[in-house]
């Protein structure tokens, strides 16, 4: 019995609707701009309008990926999974995770194994803009 591939793991995943994720995170739906059932932008005014104390920040940046491709995204998702496992409230923000393919330096940027972001097609294709749609 071998290990499952990244795509097999991703295809077996059941995604939660973004409205459920937002509710779990305590985000009022009025601050969401939905893009389908699984993606949304959060209105920056939420920071001004809420009385919550500031959270803590861990920034994962400038890591050299392993030969297997584990880099910033895999590290970030794995760290978030571990923190949730010990009862911490966690939110991950990936800022342009797929710029590598634009510059021809690597493949996709959705993480790997059980520490990946789904749907990987959207992460790898659409996060960097609409250049793929120009023809």
N, C-alpha and C. Protein backbone atom coordinates (compact mmCIF):
# COMPACT_ATOMS: atom_id res chain seq x y z
N UNK A 1 0.84 -1.18 0.00
CA UNK A 1 0.00 0.00 0.00
C UNK A 1 0.89 1.24 0.00
N UNK A 2 0.76 2.06 -1.02
CA UNK A 2 1.59 3.25 -1.13
C UNK A 2 0.91 4.48 -0.57
N UNK A 3 1.63 5.57 -0.65
CA UNK A 3 1.10 6.85 -0.19
C UNK A 3 0.18 7.45 -1.25
N UNK A 4 -0.82 8.19 -0.81
CA UNK A 4 -1.71 8.87 -1.74
C UNK A 4 -1.00 10.09 -2.31
N UNK A 5 -1.31 10.40 -3.56
CA UNK A 5 -0.74 11.58 -4.19
C UNK A 5 -1.48 12.83 -3.70
N UNK A 6 -0.89 13.99 -3.92
CA UNK A 6 -1.53 15.25 -3.54
C UNK A 6 -2.91 15.39 -4.17
N UNK A 7 -3.02 15.03 -5.45
CA UNK A 7 -4.30 15.18 -6.15
C UNK A 7 -5.34 14.22 -5.57
N UNK A 8 -4.94 13.00 -5.20
CA UNK A 8 -5.88 12.06 -4.58
C UNK A 8 -6.40 12.59 -3.25
N UNK A 9 -5.51 13.14 -2.45
CA UNK A 9 -5.91 13.72 -1.16
C UNK A 9 -6.85 14.89 -1.39
N UNK A 10 -6.52 15.76 -2.33
CA UNK A 10 -7.35 16.94 -2.62
C UNK A 10 -8.74 16.53 -3.10
N UNK A 11 -8.80 15.51 -3.96
CA UNK A 11 -10.09 15.09 -4.50
C UNK A 11 -10.99 14.42 -3.47
N UNK A 12 -10.41 13.88 -2.40
CA UNK A 12 -11.19 13.25 -1.34
C UNK A 12 -11.69 14.25 -0.30
N UNK A 13 -11.23 15.49 -0.40
CA UNK A 13 -11.57 16.51 0.59
C UNK A 13 -12.96 17.07 0.35
N UNK A 14 -13.69 17.30 1.43
CA UNK A 14 -14.98 17.97 1.36
C UNK A 14 -14.78 19.40 1.86
N UNK A 15 -15.00 20.36 0.98
CA UNK A 15 -14.80 21.76 1.36
C UNK A 15 -16.02 22.28 2.12
N UNK A 16 -15.78 23.17 3.06
CA UNK A 16 -16.86 23.85 3.77
C UNK A 16 -17.23 25.12 3.02
N UNK A 17 -18.51 25.45 2.92
CA UNK A 17 -18.89 26.73 2.32
C UNK A 17 -18.25 27.89 3.10
N UNK A 18 -17.84 28.91 2.38
CA UNK A 18 -17.13 30.04 3.00
C UNK A 18 -17.98 30.72 4.07
N UNK A 19 -19.30 30.69 3.94
CA UNK A 19 -20.15 31.29 4.96
C UNK A 19 -20.04 30.53 6.29
N UNK A 20 -19.88 29.21 6.23
CA UNK A 20 -19.68 28.42 7.46
C UNK A 20 -18.33 28.73 8.07
N UNK A 21 -17.30 28.85 7.23
CA UNK A 21 -15.96 29.18 7.71
C UNK A 21 -15.99 30.55 8.38
N UNK A 22 -16.65 31.52 7.74
CA UNK A 22 -16.75 32.87 8.30
C UNK A 22 -17.47 32.86 9.64
N UNK A 23 -18.54 32.09 9.74
CA UNK A 23 -19.29 32.00 11.00
C UNK A 23 -18.40 31.45 12.11
N UNK A 24 -17.65 30.40 11.80
CA UNK A 24 -16.73 29.81 12.77
C UNK A 24 -15.69 30.83 13.22
N UNK A 25 -15.25 31.68 12.29
CA UNK A 25 -14.23 32.69 12.60
C UNK A 25 -14.82 33.95 13.23
N UNK A 26 -16.15 34.01 13.35
CA UNK A 26 -16.78 35.18 13.95
C UNK A 26 -16.86 36.38 13.02
N UNK A 27 -16.90 36.13 11.72
CA UNK A 27 -16.98 37.20 10.72
C UNK A 27 -18.43 37.40 10.32
N UNK A 28 -18.94 38.61 10.50
CA UNK A 28 -20.31 38.96 10.12
C UNK A 28 -20.44 38.87 8.60
N UNK A 29 -21.48 38.19 8.10
CA UNK A 29 -21.66 38.05 6.64
C UNK A 29 -21.70 39.38 5.88
N UNK A 30 -22.06 40.47 6.55
CA UNK A 30 -22.12 41.76 5.86
C UNK A 30 -20.74 42.22 5.39
N UNK A 31 -19.68 41.64 5.93
CA UNK A 31 -18.32 42.01 5.53
C UNK A 31 -17.75 41.10 4.44
N UNK A 32 -18.55 40.17 3.94
CA UNK A 32 -18.06 39.23 2.94
C UNK A 32 -18.55 39.59 1.54
N UNK A 33 -17.65 39.47 0.60
CA UNK A 33 -18.00 39.56 -0.82
C UNK A 33 -17.69 38.19 -1.40
N UNK A 34 -18.75 37.40 -1.61
CA UNK A 34 -18.57 36.02 -2.03
C UNK A 34 -18.24 35.89 -3.50
N UNK A 35 -17.40 34.90 -3.81
CA UNK A 35 -17.10 34.48 -5.17
C UNK A 35 -17.44 33.00 -5.24
N UNK A 36 -18.72 32.70 -5.45
CA UNK A 36 -19.17 31.31 -5.41
C UNK A 36 -19.37 30.87 -3.97
N UNK A 37 -19.41 29.56 -3.76
CA UNK A 37 -19.69 29.02 -2.43
C UNK A 37 -18.46 28.87 -1.54
N UNK A 38 -17.26 28.93 -2.12
CA UNK A 38 -16.07 28.57 -1.36
C UNK A 38 -15.01 29.65 -1.25
N UNK A 39 -15.26 30.82 -1.83
CA UNK A 39 -14.28 31.90 -1.77
C UNK A 39 -14.99 33.21 -1.45
N UNK A 40 -14.28 34.09 -0.75
CA UNK A 40 -14.83 35.41 -0.46
C UNK A 40 -13.70 36.36 -0.12
N UNK A 41 -13.95 37.63 -0.34
CA UNK A 41 -13.06 38.68 0.15
C UNK A 41 -13.71 39.26 1.39
N UNK A 42 -12.87 39.68 2.34
CA UNK A 42 -13.37 40.28 3.58
C UNK A 42 -13.15 41.78 3.49
N UNK A 43 -14.22 42.54 3.73
CA UNK A 43 -14.15 44.00 3.70
C UNK A 43 -13.22 44.49 4.80
N UNK A 44 -12.27 45.32 4.42
CA UNK A 44 -11.28 45.86 5.36
C UNK A 44 -11.95 46.66 6.48
N UNK A 45 -13.14 47.23 6.23
CA UNK A 45 -13.85 48.01 7.24
C UNK A 45 -14.22 47.18 8.47
N UNK A 46 -14.18 45.87 8.35
CA UNK A 46 -14.46 45.02 9.50
C UNK A 46 -13.51 45.32 10.64
N UNK A 47 -12.26 45.63 10.33
CA UNK A 47 -11.28 45.94 11.37
C UNK A 47 -11.67 47.19 12.14
N UNK A 48 -12.18 48.17 11.44
CA UNK A 48 -12.57 49.43 12.05
C UNK A 48 -13.86 49.28 12.86
N UNK A 49 -14.77 48.47 12.38
CA UNK A 49 -16.11 48.38 12.95
C UNK A 49 -16.24 47.40 14.12
N UNK A 50 -15.24 46.59 14.37
CA UNK A 50 -15.36 45.60 15.44
C UNK A 50 -14.51 46.01 16.64
N UNK A 51 -14.90 45.54 17.81
CA UNK A 51 -14.19 45.88 19.04
C UNK A 51 -13.33 44.73 19.55
N UNK A 52 -12.88 43.89 18.66
CA UNK A 52 -12.06 42.76 19.08
C UNK A 52 -10.61 43.20 19.26
N UNK A 53 -9.95 42.57 20.21
CA UNK A 53 -8.54 42.88 20.42
C UNK A 53 -7.71 42.32 19.26
N UNK A 54 -6.54 42.88 19.07
CA UNK A 54 -5.66 42.41 18.01
C UNK A 54 -5.23 40.98 18.28
N UNK A 55 -5.08 40.23 17.21
CA UNK A 55 -4.61 38.86 17.33
C UNK A 55 -3.10 38.80 17.29
N UNK A 56 -2.58 37.61 17.29
CA UNK A 56 -1.14 37.40 17.17
C UNK A 56 -0.85 36.99 15.73
N UNK A 57 0.34 37.28 15.27
CA UNK A 57 0.70 37.04 13.88
C UNK A 57 1.97 36.20 13.80
N UNK A 58 1.92 35.19 12.97
CA UNK A 58 3.12 34.43 12.61
C UNK A 58 3.28 34.60 11.11
N UNK A 59 4.41 35.11 10.69
CA UNK A 59 4.67 35.35 9.27
C UNK A 59 5.66 34.31 8.77
N UNK A 60 5.26 33.54 7.77
CA UNK A 60 6.14 32.55 7.15
C UNK A 60 6.56 33.12 5.81
N UNK A 61 7.85 33.41 5.67
CA UNK A 61 8.32 34.05 4.45
C UNK A 61 9.75 33.60 4.12
N UNK A 62 10.10 33.70 2.86
CA UNK A 62 11.47 33.47 2.38
C UNK A 62 12.06 32.13 2.80
N UNK A 63 11.31 31.08 2.60
CA UNK A 63 11.79 29.74 2.92
C UNK A 63 12.29 29.08 1.64
N UNK A 64 13.33 28.29 1.74
CA UNK A 64 13.81 27.53 0.58
C UNK A 64 13.07 26.19 0.58
N UNK A 65 12.31 25.91 -0.48
CA UNK A 65 11.55 24.65 -0.49
C UNK A 65 12.47 23.44 -0.55
N UNK A 66 11.96 22.32 -0.05
CA UNK A 66 12.70 21.06 -0.12
C UNK A 66 12.64 20.53 -1.55
N UNK A 67 13.45 19.53 -1.89
CA UNK A 67 13.36 18.94 -3.23
C UNK A 67 11.96 18.40 -3.54
N UNK A 68 11.20 18.02 -2.51
CA UNK A 68 9.84 17.52 -2.72
C UNK A 68 8.84 18.65 -2.90
N UNK A 69 9.28 19.89 -2.74
CA UNK A 69 8.40 21.03 -2.98
C UNK A 69 7.75 21.63 -1.75
N UNK A 70 8.07 21.11 -0.56
CA UNK A 70 7.48 21.71 0.64
C UNK A 70 8.14 23.05 0.90
N UNK A 71 7.30 24.09 0.91
CA UNK A 71 7.81 25.44 1.13
C UNK A 71 6.91 26.21 2.07
N UNK A 72 6.67 27.47 1.73
CA UNK A 72 5.90 28.36 2.61
C UNK A 72 4.46 27.90 2.80
N UNK A 73 3.78 27.51 1.73
CA UNK A 73 2.38 27.12 1.86
C UNK A 73 2.23 25.87 2.71
N UNK A 74 3.02 24.85 2.44
CA UNK A 74 2.95 23.62 3.22
C UNK A 74 3.28 23.89 4.68
N UNK A 75 4.31 24.68 4.93
CA UNK A 75 4.69 25.03 6.30
C UNK A 75 3.57 25.79 7.01
N UNK A 76 2.98 26.76 6.31
CA UNK A 76 1.91 27.57 6.90
C UNK A 76 0.68 26.73 7.22
N UNK A 77 0.25 25.91 6.29
CA UNK A 77 -0.93 25.07 6.51
C UNK A 77 -0.67 24.07 7.62
N UNK A 78 0.51 23.45 7.63
CA UNK A 78 0.86 22.51 8.69
C UNK A 78 0.90 23.17 10.06
N UNK A 79 1.45 24.38 10.12
CA UNK A 79 1.49 25.13 11.38
C UNK A 79 0.08 25.45 11.87
N UNK A 80 -0.77 25.89 10.95
CA UNK A 80 -2.16 26.20 11.31
C UNK A 80 -2.90 24.95 11.79
N UNK A 81 -2.71 23.83 11.10
CA UNK A 81 -3.34 22.57 11.52
C UNK A 81 -2.91 22.19 12.93
N UNK A 82 -1.62 22.31 13.20
CA UNK A 82 -1.10 21.98 14.53
C UNK A 82 -1.65 22.88 15.61
N UNK A 83 -1.75 24.17 15.32
CA UNK A 83 -2.27 25.11 16.31
C UNK A 83 -3.75 24.87 16.58
N UNK A 84 -4.51 24.54 15.53
CA UNK A 84 -5.94 24.22 15.75
C UNK A 84 -6.07 22.95 16.59
N UNK A 85 -5.17 22.01 16.36
CA UNK A 85 -5.22 20.74 17.10
C UNK A 85 -5.03 20.97 18.60
N UNK A 86 -4.28 22.02 18.98
CA UNK A 86 -4.09 22.31 20.41
C UNK A 86 -5.09 23.36 20.90
N UNK A 87 -6.13 23.63 20.11
CA UNK A 87 -7.22 24.48 20.57
C UNK A 87 -7.12 25.96 20.27
N UNK A 88 -6.19 26.37 19.43
CA UNK A 88 -6.05 27.79 19.09
C UNK A 88 -6.99 28.15 17.94
N UNK A 89 -7.49 29.38 17.95
CA UNK A 89 -8.25 29.90 16.81
C UNK A 89 -7.25 30.37 15.78
N UNK A 90 -7.36 29.86 14.57
CA UNK A 90 -6.35 30.11 13.54
C UNK A 90 -7.00 30.56 12.24
N UNK A 91 -6.39 31.53 11.59
CA UNK A 91 -6.80 31.97 10.26
C UNK A 91 -5.54 32.07 9.41
N UNK A 92 -5.56 31.52 8.22
CA UNK A 92 -4.42 31.57 7.32
C UNK A 92 -4.73 32.50 6.16
N UNK A 93 -3.79 33.36 5.83
CA UNK A 93 -3.90 34.22 4.65
C UNK A 93 -2.70 33.94 3.76
N UNK A 94 -2.96 33.46 2.57
CA UNK A 94 -1.89 33.21 1.60
C UNK A 94 -1.86 34.38 0.64
N UNK A 95 -0.77 35.08 0.59
CA UNK A 95 -0.64 36.25 -0.28
C UNK A 95 0.07 35.84 -1.55
N UNK A 96 -0.68 35.80 -2.65
CA UNK A 96 -0.12 35.43 -3.96
C UNK A 96 0.77 34.19 -3.88
N UNK A 97 0.21 33.06 -3.44
CA UNK A 97 1.06 31.89 -3.27
C UNK A 97 1.58 31.30 -4.57
N UNK A 98 0.97 31.65 -5.69
CA UNK A 98 1.36 30.98 -6.93
C UNK A 98 2.12 31.88 -7.90
N UNK A 99 2.94 32.77 -7.41
CA UNK A 99 3.73 33.61 -8.31
C UNK A 99 4.90 32.86 -8.95
N UNK A 100 5.35 31.78 -8.31
CA UNK A 100 6.46 31.01 -8.86
C UNK A 100 6.25 30.59 -10.31
N UNK A 101 5.07 30.00 -10.65
CA UNK A 101 4.86 29.59 -12.03
C UNK A 101 4.88 30.76 -13.02
N UNK A 102 4.47 31.94 -12.56
CA UNK A 102 4.49 33.12 -13.44
C UNK A 102 5.91 33.43 -13.88
N UNK A 103 6.87 33.23 -12.96
CA UNK A 103 8.27 33.52 -13.26
C UNK A 103 9.02 32.29 -13.73
N UNK A 104 8.32 31.17 -13.88
CA UNK A 104 8.93 29.95 -14.40
C UNK A 104 9.91 29.29 -13.44
N UNK A 105 9.73 29.48 -12.13
CA UNK A 105 10.69 28.93 -11.19
C UNK A 105 10.19 27.70 -10.43
N UNK A 106 8.89 27.38 -10.55
CA UNK A 106 8.40 26.19 -9.85
C UNK A 106 7.01 25.85 -10.33
N UNK A 107 6.45 24.78 -9.75
CA UNK A 107 5.09 24.38 -10.10
C UNK A 107 4.06 25.12 -9.29
N UNK A 108 2.98 24.42 -8.94
CA UNK A 108 1.89 25.05 -8.21
C UNK A 108 2.27 25.41 -6.78
N UNK A 109 1.33 26.08 -6.11
CA UNK A 109 1.64 26.58 -4.76
C UNK A 109 0.51 26.29 -3.80
N UNK A 110 -0.02 25.10 -3.85
CA UNK A 110 -1.15 24.76 -2.98
C UNK A 110 -0.73 23.92 -1.79
N UNK A 111 0.56 23.76 -1.55
CA UNK A 111 1.02 22.90 -0.47
C UNK A 111 1.10 21.47 -0.95
N UNK A 112 1.16 20.53 -0.01
CA UNK A 112 1.27 19.14 -0.41
C UNK A 112 0.81 18.20 0.67
N UNK A 113 0.51 16.97 0.26
CA UNK A 113 0.06 15.95 1.20
C UNK A 113 -1.20 16.38 1.92
N UNK A 114 -1.21 16.21 3.24
CA UNK A 114 -2.37 16.61 4.03
C UNK A 114 -2.26 18.06 4.50
N UNK A 115 -1.27 18.79 4.01
CA UNK A 115 -1.09 20.22 4.34
C UNK A 115 -1.19 21.02 3.05
N UNK A 116 -2.35 20.94 2.40
CA UNK A 116 -2.54 21.66 1.15
C UNK A 116 -3.84 22.43 1.16
N UNK A 117 -3.92 23.40 0.26
CA UNK A 117 -5.10 24.25 0.13
C UNK A 117 -5.89 23.76 -1.08
N UNK A 118 -7.22 23.64 -0.91
CA UNK A 118 -8.07 23.22 -2.01
C UNK A 118 -9.12 24.29 -2.28
N UNK A 119 -9.59 24.43 -3.49
CA UNK A 119 -9.25 23.65 -4.68
C UNK A 119 -7.93 24.13 -5.28
N UNK A 120 -7.01 23.20 -5.46
CA UNK A 120 -5.68 23.57 -5.93
C UNK A 120 -5.71 24.21 -7.32
N UNK A 121 -6.73 23.87 -8.14
CA UNK A 121 -6.81 24.47 -9.47
C UNK A 121 -6.97 25.98 -9.38
N UNK A 122 -7.81 26.43 -8.46
CA UNK A 122 -8.03 27.87 -8.30
C UNK A 122 -6.80 28.56 -7.73
N UNK A 123 -6.13 27.91 -6.79
CA UNK A 123 -4.93 28.49 -6.20
C UNK A 123 -3.85 28.62 -7.26
N UNK A 124 -3.64 27.56 -8.03
CA UNK A 124 -2.55 27.55 -9.01
C UNK A 124 -2.84 28.38 -10.25
N UNK A 125 -4.11 28.61 -10.55
CA UNK A 125 -4.44 29.29 -11.79
C UNK A 125 -4.92 30.72 -11.60
N UNK A 126 -5.78 30.96 -10.61
CA UNK A 126 -6.48 32.24 -10.55
C UNK A 126 -5.95 33.23 -9.52
N UNK A 127 -5.10 32.84 -8.59
CA UNK A 127 -4.67 33.78 -7.56
C UNK A 127 -3.81 34.91 -8.11
N UNK A 128 -3.16 34.69 -9.23
CA UNK A 128 -2.25 35.71 -9.74
C UNK A 128 -2.89 36.59 -10.80
N UNK A 129 -4.19 36.58 -10.94
CA UNK A 129 -4.85 37.46 -11.89
C UNK A 129 -5.44 36.71 -13.06
N UNK A 130 -5.67 37.44 -14.14
CA UNK A 130 -6.37 36.88 -15.30
C UNK A 130 -5.47 36.69 -16.52
N UNK A 131 -4.17 36.65 -16.33
CA UNK A 131 -3.27 36.52 -17.49
C UNK A 131 -3.57 35.26 -18.30
N UNK A 132 -4.03 34.20 -17.66
CA UNK A 132 -4.33 32.95 -18.36
C UNK A 132 -5.52 33.11 -19.30
N UNK A 133 -6.36 34.13 -19.08
CA UNK A 133 -7.57 34.31 -19.89
C UNK A 133 -7.34 35.19 -21.11
N UNK A 134 -6.16 35.78 -21.21
CA UNK A 134 -5.87 36.65 -22.35
C UNK A 134 -5.38 35.78 -23.50
N UNK A 135 -6.01 35.91 -24.66
CA UNK A 135 -5.60 35.02 -25.73
C UNK A 135 -5.52 35.63 -27.07
